[in-house]
Amino acid sequence: ATYLGSLWGTWFGLGGATALDLGDEAMWASTLLVG
């Protein structure tokens, strides 16, 4: 559950940042934090 949760969090962070059209630094931060 730990590693699967981290992978799903990474996907939601990256996909959400892309859907919101965030900049590169904000996209990295979103991907990492939500992961």
ModelCIF file with pLDDT and N, C-alpha, C, O atoms, coordinates in Angstrom:
data_MODEL
#
_entry.id   MODEL 
#
_entity.id                         1 
_entity.type                       polymer 
_entity.pdbx_number_of_molecules   1 
#
_entity_poly.entity_id                      1 
_entity_poly.type                           'polypeptide(L)' 
_entity_poly.nstd_linkage                   no 
_entity_poly.nstd_monomer                   no 
_entity_poly.pdbx_seq_one_letter_code       ATYLGSLWGTWFGLGGATALDLGDEAMWASTLLVG 
_entity_poly.pdbx_seq_one_letter_code_can   ATYLGSLWGTWFGLGGATALDLGDEAMWASTLLVG 
_entity_poly.pdbx_strand_id                 A 
#
loop_
_entity_poly_seq.entity_id 
_entity_poly_seq.num 
_entity_poly_seq.mon_id 
_entity_poly_seq.hetero 
1 1  ALA n 
1 2  THR n 
1 3  TYR n 
1 4  LEU n 
1 5  GLY n 
1 6  SER n 
1 7  LEU n 
1 8  TRP n 
1 9  GLY n 
1 10 THR n 
1 11 TRP n 
1 12 PHE n 
1 13 GLY n 
1 14 LEU n 
1 15 GLY n 
1 16 GLY n 
1 17 ALA n 
1 18 THR n 
1 19 ALA n 
1 20 LEU n 
1 21 ASP n 
1 22 LEU n 
1 23 GLY n 
1 24 ASP n 
1 25 GLU n 
1 26 ALA n 
1 27 MET n 
1 28 TRP n 
1 29 ALA n 
1 30 SER n 
1 31 THR n 
1 32 LEU n 
1 33 LEU n 
1 34 VAL n 
1 35 GLY n 
#
_struct_asym.id          A 
_struct_asym.entity_id   1 
#
loop_
_ma_qa_metric.id 
_ma_qa_metric.mode 
_ma_qa_metric.name 
_ma_qa_metric.software_group_id 
_ma_qa_metric.type 
1 global pLDDT . pLDDT 
2 local  pLDDT . pLDDT 
#
_ma_qa_metric_global.metric_id      1 
_ma_qa_metric_global.metric_value   94.71 
_ma_qa_metric_global.model_id       1 
_ma_qa_metric_global.ordinal_id     1 
#
loop_
_ma_qa_metric_local.label_asym_id 
_ma_qa_metric_local.label_comp_id 
_ma_qa_metric_local.label_seq_id 
_ma_qa_metric_local.metric_id 
_ma_qa_metric_local.metric_value 
_ma_qa_metric_local.model_id 
_ma_qa_metric_local.ordinal_id 
A ALA 1  2 95.00 1 1  
A THR 2  2 95.00 1 2  
A TYR 3  2 94.00 1 3  
A LEU 4  2 96.00 1 4  
A GLY 5  2 96.00 1 5  
A SER 6  2 96.00 1 6  
A LEU 7  2 96.00 1 7  
A TRP 8  2 97.00 1 8  
A GLY 9  2 96.00 1 9  
A THR 10 2 96.00 1 10 
A TRP 11 2 96.00 1 11 
A PHE 12 2 96.00 1 12 
A GLY 13 2 96.00 1 13 
A LEU 14 2 95.00 1 14 
A GLY 15 2 94.00 1 15 
A GLY 16 2 95.00 1 16 
A ALA 17 2 95.00 1 17 
A THR 18 2 94.00 1 18 
A ALA 19 2 93.00 1 19 
A LEU 20 2 93.00 1 20 
A ASP 21 2 91.00 1 21 
A LEU 22 2 92.00 1 22 
A GLY 23 2 90.00 1 23 
A ASP 24 2 89.00 1 24 
A GLU 25 2 90.00 1 25 
A ALA 26 2 93.00 1 26 
A MET 27 2 95.00 1 27 
A TRP 28 2 95.00 1 28 
A ALA 29 2 96.00 1 29 
A SER 30 2 96.00 1 30 
A THR 31 2 96.00 1 31 
A LEU 32 2 97.00 1 32 
A LEU 33 2 97.00 1 33 
A VAL 34 2 97.00 1 34 
A GLY 35 2 97.00 1 35 
#
loop_
_atom_site.group_PDB 
_atom_site.id 
_atom_site.type_symbol 
_atom_site.label_atom_id 
_atom_site.label_alt_id 
_atom_site.label_comp_id 
_atom_site.label_asym_id 
_atom_site.label_entity_id 
_atom_site.label_seq_id 
_atom_site.pdbx_PDB_ins_code 
_atom_site.Cartn_x 
_atom_site.Cartn_y 
_atom_site.Cartn_z 
_atom_site.occupancy 
_atom_site.B_iso_or_equiv 
_atom_site.pdbx_formal_charge 
_atom_site.auth_seq_id 
_atom_site.auth_comp_id 
_atom_site.auth_asym_id 
_atom_site.auth_atom_id 
_atom_site.pdbx_PDB_model_num 
ATOM 1   N N  . ALA A 1 1  ? 0.828  -1.206 0.000   1.00 95.00 ? 1  ALA A N  1 
ATOM 2   C CA . ALA A 1 1  ? 0.000  0.000  0.000   1.00 95.00 ? 1  ALA A CA 1 
ATOM 3   C C  . ALA A 1 1  ? 0.863  1.256  0.000   1.00 95.00 ? 1  ALA A C  1 
ATOM 4   O O  . ALA A 1 1  ? 0.468  2.275  -0.567  1.00 95.00 ? 1  ALA A O  1 
ATOM 5   N N  . THR A 1 2  ? 2.032  1.197  0.628   1.00 95.00 ? 2  THR A N  1 
ATOM 6   C CA . THR A 1 2  ? 2.917  2.352  0.686   1.00 95.00 ? 2  THR A CA 1 
ATOM 7   C C  . THR A 1 2  ? 3.449  2.710  -0.692  1.00 95.00 ? 2  THR A C  1 
ATOM 8   O O  . THR A 1 2  ? 3.337  3.858  -1.122  1.00 95.00 ? 2  THR A O  1 
ATOM 9   N N  . TYR A 1 3  ? 4.027  1.734  -1.390  1.00 94.00 ? 3  TYR A N  1 
ATOM 10  C CA . TYR A 1 3  ? 4.615  2.104  -2.679  1.00 94.00 ? 3  TYR A CA 1 
ATOM 11  C C  . TYR A 1 3  ? 3.554  2.341  -3.749  1.00 94.00 ? 3  TYR A C  1 
ATOM 12  O O  . TYR A 1 3  ? 3.753  3.158  -4.647  1.00 94.00 ? 3  TYR A O  1 
ATOM 13  N N  . LEU A 1 4  ? 2.427  1.633  -3.661  1.00 96.00 ? 4  LEU A N  1 
ATOM 14  C CA . LEU A 1 4  ? 1.345  1.905  -4.620  1.00 96.00 ? 4  LEU A CA 1 
ATOM 15  C C  . LEU A 1 4  ? 0.733  3.279  -4.369  1.00 96.00 ? 4  LEU A C  1 
ATOM 16  O O  . LEU A 1 4  ? 0.422  4.006  -5.312  1.00 96.00 ? 4  LEU A O  1 
ATOM 17  N N  . GLY A 1 5  ? 0.561  3.634  -3.096  1.00 96.00 ? 5  GLY A N  1 
ATOM 18  C CA . GLY A 1 5  ? 0.043  4.963  -2.781  1.00 96.00 ? 5  GLY A CA 1 
ATOM 19  C C  . GLY A 1 5  ? 0.955  6.066  -3.265  1.00 96.00 ? 5  GLY A C  1 
ATOM 20  O O  . GLY A 1 5  ? 0.479  7.094  -3.745  1.00 96.00 ? 5  GLY A O  1 
ATOM 21  N N  . SER A 1 6  ? 2.259  5.874  -3.148  1.00 96.00 ? 6  SER A N  1 
ATOM 22  C CA . SER A 1 6  ? 3.197  6.901  -3.614  1.00 96.00 ? 6  SER A CA 1 
ATOM 23  C C  . SER A 1 6  ? 3.144  7.047  -5.134  1.00 96.00 ? 6  SER A C  1 
ATOM 24  O O  . SER A 1 6  ? 3.249  8.157  -5.656  1.00 96.00 ? 6  SER A O  1 
ATOM 25  N N  . LEU A 1 7  ? 2.982  5.936  -5.841  1.00 96.00 ? 7  LEU A N  1 
ATOM 26  C CA . LEU A 1 7  ? 2.888  6.006  -7.304  1.00 96.00 ? 7  LEU A CA 1 
ATOM 27  C C  . LEU A 1 7  ? 1.603  6.705  -7.738  1.00 96.00 ? 7  LEU A C  1 
ATOM 28  O O  . LEU A 1 7  ? 1.615  7.522  -8.659  1.00 96.00 ? 7  LEU A O  1 
ATOM 29  N N  . TRP A 1 8  ? 0.487  6.380  -7.065  1.00 97.00 ? 8  TRP A N  1 
ATOM 30  C CA . TRP A 1 8  ? -0.762 7.053  -7.411  1.00 97.00 ? 8  TRP A CA 1 
ATOM 31  C C  . TRP A 1 8  ? -0.699 8.527  -7.059  1.00 97.00 ? 8  TRP A C  1 
ATOM 32  O O  . TRP A 1 8  ? -1.206 9.360  -7.811  1.00 97.00 ? 8  TRP A O  1 
ATOM 33  N N  . GLY A 1 9  ? -0.092 8.865  -5.941  1.00 96.00 ? 9  GLY A N  1 
ATOM 34  C CA . GLY A 1 9  ? 0.070  10.274 -5.599  1.00 96.00 ? 9  GLY A CA 1 
ATOM 35  C C  . GLY A 1 9  ? 0.903  11.016 -6.627  1.00 96.00 ? 9  GLY A C  1 
ATOM 36  O O  . GLY A 1 9  ? 0.601  12.160 -6.966  1.00 96.00 ? 9  GLY A O  1 
ATOM 37  N N  . THR A 1 10 ? 1.956  10.368 -7.128  1.00 96.00 ? 10 THR A N  1 
ATOM 38  C CA . THR A 1 10 ? 2.782  10.992 -8.169  1.00 96.00 ? 10 THR A CA 1 
ATOM 39  C C  . THR A 1 10 ? 1.968  11.253 -9.427  1.00 96.00 ? 10 THR A C  1 
ATOM 40  O O  . THR A 1 10 ? 2.080  12.317 -10.037 1.00 96.00 ? 10 THR A O  1 
ATOM 41  N N  . TRP A 1 11 ? 1.141  10.272 -9.816  1.00 96.00 ? 11 TRP A N  1 
ATOM 42  C CA . TRP A 1 11 ? 0.307  10.451 -11.004 1.00 96.00 ? 11 TRP A CA 1 
ATOM 43  C C  . TRP A 1 11 ? -0.684 11.598 -10.818 1.00 96.00 ? 11 TRP A C  1 
ATOM 44  O O  . TRP A 1 11 ? -0.850 12.422 -11.717 1.00 96.00 ? 11 TRP A O  1 
ATOM 45  N N  . PHE A 1 12 ? -1.348 11.658 -9.654  1.00 96.00 ? 12 PHE A N  1 
ATOM 46  C CA . PHE A 1 12 ? -2.323 12.715 -9.433  1.00 96.00 ? 12 PHE A CA 1 
ATOM 47  C C  . PHE A 1 12 ? -1.641 14.082 -9.344  1.00 96.00 ? 12 PHE A C  1 
ATOM 48  O O  . PHE A 1 12 ? -2.189 15.078 -9.816  1.00 96.00 ? 12 PHE A O  1 
ATOM 49  N N  . GLY A 1 13 ? -0.457 14.135 -8.745  1.00 96.00 ? 13 GLY A N  1 
ATOM 50  C CA . GLY A 1 13 ? 0.264  15.406 -8.685  1.00 96.00 ? 13 GLY A CA 1 
ATOM 51  C C  . GLY A 1 13 ? 0.700  15.886 -10.050 1.00 96.00 ? 13 GLY A C  1 
ATOM 52  O O  . GLY A 1 13 ? 0.564  17.068 -10.368 1.00 96.00 ? 13 GLY A O  1 
ATOM 53  N N  . LEU A 1 14 ? 1.230  14.969 -10.873 1.00 95.00 ? 14 LEU A N  1 
ATOM 54  C CA . LEU A 1 14 ? 1.678  15.350 -12.216 1.00 95.00 ? 14 LEU A CA 1 
ATOM 55  C C  . LEU A 1 14 ? 0.493  15.676 -13.119 1.00 95.00 ? 14 LEU A C  1 
ATOM 56  O O  . LEU A 1 14 ? 0.493  16.690 -13.816 1.00 95.00 ? 14 LEU A O  1 
ATOM 57  N N  . GLY A 1 15 ? -0.537 14.787 -13.100 1.00 94.00 ? 15 GLY A N  1 
ATOM 58  C CA . GLY A 1 15 ? -1.699 15.032 -13.950 1.00 94.00 ? 15 GLY A CA 1 
ATOM 59  C C  . GLY A 1 15 ? -2.444 16.288 -13.561 1.00 94.00 ? 15 GLY A C  1 
ATOM 60  O O  . GLY A 1 15 ? -2.891 17.035 -14.431 1.00 94.00 ? 15 GLY A O  1 
ATOM 61  N N  . GLY A 1 16 ? -2.587 16.537 -12.257 1.00 95.00 ? 16 GLY A N  1 
ATOM 62  C CA . GLY A 1 16 ? -3.272 17.744 -11.822 1.00 95.00 ? 16 GLY A CA 1 
ATOM 63  C C  . GLY A 1 16 ? -2.511 19.000 -12.213 1.00 95.00 ? 16 GLY A C  1 
ATOM 64  O O  . GLY A 1 16 ? -3.116 19.978 -12.652 1.00 95.00 ? 16 GLY A O  1 
ATOM 65  N N  . ALA A 1 17 ? -1.179 18.986 -12.058 1.00 95.00 ? 17 ALA A N  1 
ATOM 66  C CA . ALA A 1 17 ? -0.386 20.149 -12.440 1.00 95.00 ? 17 ALA A CA 1 
ATOM 67  C C  . ALA A 1 17 ? -0.461 20.404 -13.942 1.00 95.00 ? 17 ALA A C  1 
ATOM 68  O O  . ALA A 1 17 ? -0.500 21.554 -14.379 1.00 95.00 ? 17 ALA A O  1 
ATOM 69  N N  . THR A 1 18 ? -0.480 19.326 -14.733 1.00 94.00 ? 18 THR A N  1 
ATOM 70  C CA . THR A 1 18 ? -0.586 19.490 -16.187 1.00 94.00 ? 18 THR A CA 1 
ATOM 71  C C  . THR A 1 18 ? -1.958 20.010 -16.575 1.00 94.00 ? 18 THR A C  1 
ATOM 72  O O  . THR A 1 18 ? -2.075 20.872 -17.446 1.00 94.00 ? 18 THR A O  1 
ATOM 73  N N  . ALA A 1 19 ? -3.010 19.488 -15.926 1.00 93.00 ? 19 ALA A N  1 
ATOM 74  C CA . ALA A 1 19 ? -4.361 19.958 -16.224 1.00 93.00 ? 19 ALA A CA 1 
ATOM 75  C C  . ALA A 1 19 ? -4.527 21.432 -15.869 1.00 93.00 ? 19 ALA A C  1 
ATOM 76  O O  . ALA A 1 19 ? -5.272 22.149 -16.538 1.00 93.00 ? 19 ALA A O  1 
ATOM 77  N N  . LEU A 1 20 ? -3.836 21.894 -14.817 1.00 93.00 ? 20 LEU A N  1 
ATOM 78  C CA . LEU A 1 20 ? -3.912 23.295 -14.412 1.00 93.00 ? 20 LEU A CA 1 
ATOM 79  C C  . LEU A 1 20 ? -2.900 24.171 -15.138 1.00 93.00 ? 20 LEU A C  1 
ATOM 80  O O  . LEU A 1 20 ? -2.849 25.382 -14.925 1.00 93.00 ? 20 LEU A O  1 
ATOM 81  N N  . ASP A 1 21 ? -2.089 23.545 -16.004 1.00 91.00 ? 21 ASP A N  1 
ATOM 82  C CA . ASP A 1 21 ? -1.098 24.273 -16.807 1.00 91.00 ? 21 ASP A CA 1 
ATOM 83  C C  . ASP A 1 21 ? -0.128 25.059 -15.933 1.00 91.00 ? 21 ASP A C  1 
ATOM 84  O O  . ASP A 1 21 ? 0.117  26.241 -16.175 1.00 91.00 ? 21 ASP A O  1 
ATOM 85  N N  . LEU A 1 22 ? 0.422  24.401 -14.920 1.00 92.00 ? 22 LEU A N  1 
ATOM 86  C CA . LEU A 1 22 ? 1.404  25.042 -14.048 1.00 92.00 ? 22 LEU A CA 1 
ATOM 87  C C  . LEU A 1 22 ? 2.768  25.085 -14.709 1.00 92.00 ? 22 LEU A C  1 
ATOM 88  O O  . LEU A 1 22 ? 3.033  24.342 -15.655 1.00 92.00 ? 22 LEU A O  1 
ATOM 89  N N  . GLY A 1 23 ? 3.625  25.949 -14.215 1.00 90.00 ? 23 GLY A N  1 
ATOM 90  C CA . GLY A 1 23 ? 4.982  26.042 -14.730 1.00 90.00 ? 23 GLY A CA 1 
ATOM 91  C C  . GLY A 1 23 ? 5.829  24.849 -14.315 1.00 90.00 ? 23 GLY A C  1 
ATOM 92  O O  . GLY A 1 23 ? 5.387  23.998 -13.543 1.00 90.00 ? 23 GLY A O  1 
ATOM 93  N N  . ASP A 1 24 ? 7.063  24.795 -14.839 1.00 89.00 ? 24 ASP A N  1 
ATOM 94  C CA . ASP A 1 24 ? 7.920  23.640 -14.604 1.00 89.00 ? 24 ASP A CA 1 
ATOM 95  C C  . ASP A 1 24 ? 8.203  23.427 -13.121 1.00 89.00 ? 24 ASP A C  1 
ATOM 96  O O  . ASP A 1 24 ? 8.049  22.319 -12.607 1.00 89.00 ? 24 ASP A O  1 
ATOM 97  N N  . GLU A 1 25 ? 8.621  24.503 -12.429 1.00 90.00 ? 25 GLU A N  1 
ATOM 98  C CA . GLU A 1 25 ? 8.947  24.338 -11.015 1.00 90.00 ? 25 GLU A CA 1 
ATOM 99  C C  . GLU A 1 25 ? 7.724  23.948 -10.199 1.00 90.00 ? 25 GLU A C  1 
ATOM 100 O O  . GLU A 1 25 ? 7.812  23.103 -9.308  1.00 90.00 ? 25 GLU A O  1 
ATOM 101 N N  . ALA A 1 26 ? 6.586  24.561 -10.501 1.00 93.00 ? 26 ALA A N  1 
ATOM 102 C CA . ALA A 1 26 ? 5.360  24.233 -9.777  1.00 93.00 ? 26 ALA A CA 1 
ATOM 103 C C  . ALA A 1 26 ? 4.912  22.804 -10.093 1.00 93.00 ? 26 ALA A C  1 
ATOM 104 O O  . ALA A 1 26 ? 4.374  22.115 -9.226  1.00 93.00 ? 26 ALA A O  1 
ATOM 105 N N  . MET A 1 27 ? 5.132  22.364 -11.324 1.00 95.00 ? 27 MET A N  1 
ATOM 106 C CA . MET A 1 27 ? 4.761  20.992 -11.691 1.00 95.00 ? 27 MET A CA 1 
ATOM 107 C C  . MET A 1 27 ? 5.610  19.984 -10.939 1.00 95.00 ? 27 MET A C  1 
ATOM 108 O O  . MET A 1 27 ? 5.098  18.977 -10.450 1.00 95.00 ? 27 MET A O  1 
ATOM 109 N N  . TRP A 1 28 ? 6.926  20.252 -10.844 1.00 95.00 ? 28 TRP A N  1 
ATOM 110 C CA . TRP A 1 28 ? 7.790  19.369 -10.067 1.00 95.00 ? 28 TRP A CA 1 
ATOM 111 C C  . TRP A 1 28 ? 7.338  19.331 -8.610  1.00 95.00 ? 28 TRP A C  1 
ATOM 112 O O  . TRP A 1 28 ? 7.230  18.260 -8.014  1.00 95.00 ? 28 TRP A O  1 
ATOM 113 N N  . ALA A 1 29 ? 7.073  20.517 -8.038  1.00 96.00 ? 29 ALA A N  1 
ATOM 114 C CA . ALA A 1 29 ? 6.678  20.576 -6.630  1.00 96.00 ? 29 ALA A CA 1 
ATOM 115 C C  . ALA A 1 29 ? 5.357  19.832 -6.398  1.00 96.00 ? 29 ALA A C  1 
ATOM 116 O O  . ALA A 1 29 ? 5.220  19.106 -5.414  1.00 96.00 ? 29 ALA A O  1 
ATOM 117 N N  . SER A 1 30 ? 4.391  20.011 -7.299  1.00 96.00 ? 30 SER A N  1 
ATOM 118 C CA . SER A 1 30 ? 3.113  19.319 -7.159  1.00 96.00 ? 30 SER A CA 1 
ATOM 119 C C  . SER A 1 30 ? 3.290  17.812 -7.236  1.00 96.00 ? 30 SER A C  1 
ATOM 120 O O  . SER A 1 30 ? 2.714  17.072 -6.439  1.00 96.00 ? 30 SER A O  1 
ATOM 121 N N  . THR A 1 31 ? 4.089  17.357 -8.197  1.00 96.00 ? 31 THR A N  1 
ATOM 122 C CA . THR A 1 31 ? 4.313  15.921 -8.357  1.00 96.00 ? 31 THR A CA 1 
ATOM 123 C C  . THR A 1 31 ? 4.954  15.319 -7.118  1.00 96.00 ? 31 THR A C  1 
ATOM 124 O O  . THR A 1 31 ? 4.557  14.242 -6.673  1.00 96.00 ? 31 THR A O  1 
ATOM 125 N N  . LEU A 1 32 ? 5.938  16.003 -6.559  1.00 97.00 ? 32 LEU A N  1 
ATOM 126 C CA . LEU A 1 32 ? 6.662  15.481 -5.410  1.00 97.00 ? 32 LEU A CA 1 
ATOM 127 C C  . LEU A 1 32 ? 5.822  15.530 -4.132  1.00 97.00 ? 32 LEU A C  1 
ATOM 128 O O  . LEU A 1 32 ? 5.789  14.568 -3.364  1.00 97.00 ? 32 LEU A O  1 
ATOM 129 N N  . LEU A 1 33 ? 5.144  16.660 -3.913  1.00 97.00 ? 33 LEU A N  1 
ATOM 130 C CA . LEU A 1 33 ? 4.375  16.803 -2.675  1.00 97.00 ? 33 LEU A CA 1 
ATOM 131 C C  . LEU A 1 33 ? 3.176  15.863 -2.639  1.00 97.00 ? 33 LEU A C  1 
ATOM 132 O O  . LEU A 1 33 ? 2.924  15.210 -1.626  1.00 97.00 ? 33 LEU A O  1 
ATOM 133 N N  . VAL A 1 34 ? 2.434  15.793 -3.747  1.00 97.00 ? 34 VAL A N  1 
ATOM 134 C CA . VAL A 1 34 ? 1.275  14.903 -3.767  1.00 97.00 ? 34 VAL A CA 1 
ATOM 135 C C  . VAL A 1 34 ? 1.734  13.449 -3.733  1.00 97.00 ? 34 VAL A C  1 
ATOM 136 O O  . VAL A 1 34 ? 1.049  12.593 -3.172  1.00 97.00 ? 34 VAL A O  1 
ATOM 137 N N  . GLY A 1 35 ? 2.893  13.165 -4.334  1.00 97.00 ? 35 GLY A N  1 
ATOM 138 C CA . GLY A 1 35 ? 3.450  11.814 -4.232  1.00 97.00 ? 35 GLY A CA 1 
ATOM 139 C C  . GLY A 1 35 ? 3.753  11.438 -2.798  1.00 97.00 ? 35 GLY A C  1 
ATOM 140 O O  . GLY A 1 35 ? 4.227  10.332 -2.537  1.00 97.00 ? 35 GLY A O  1 
#
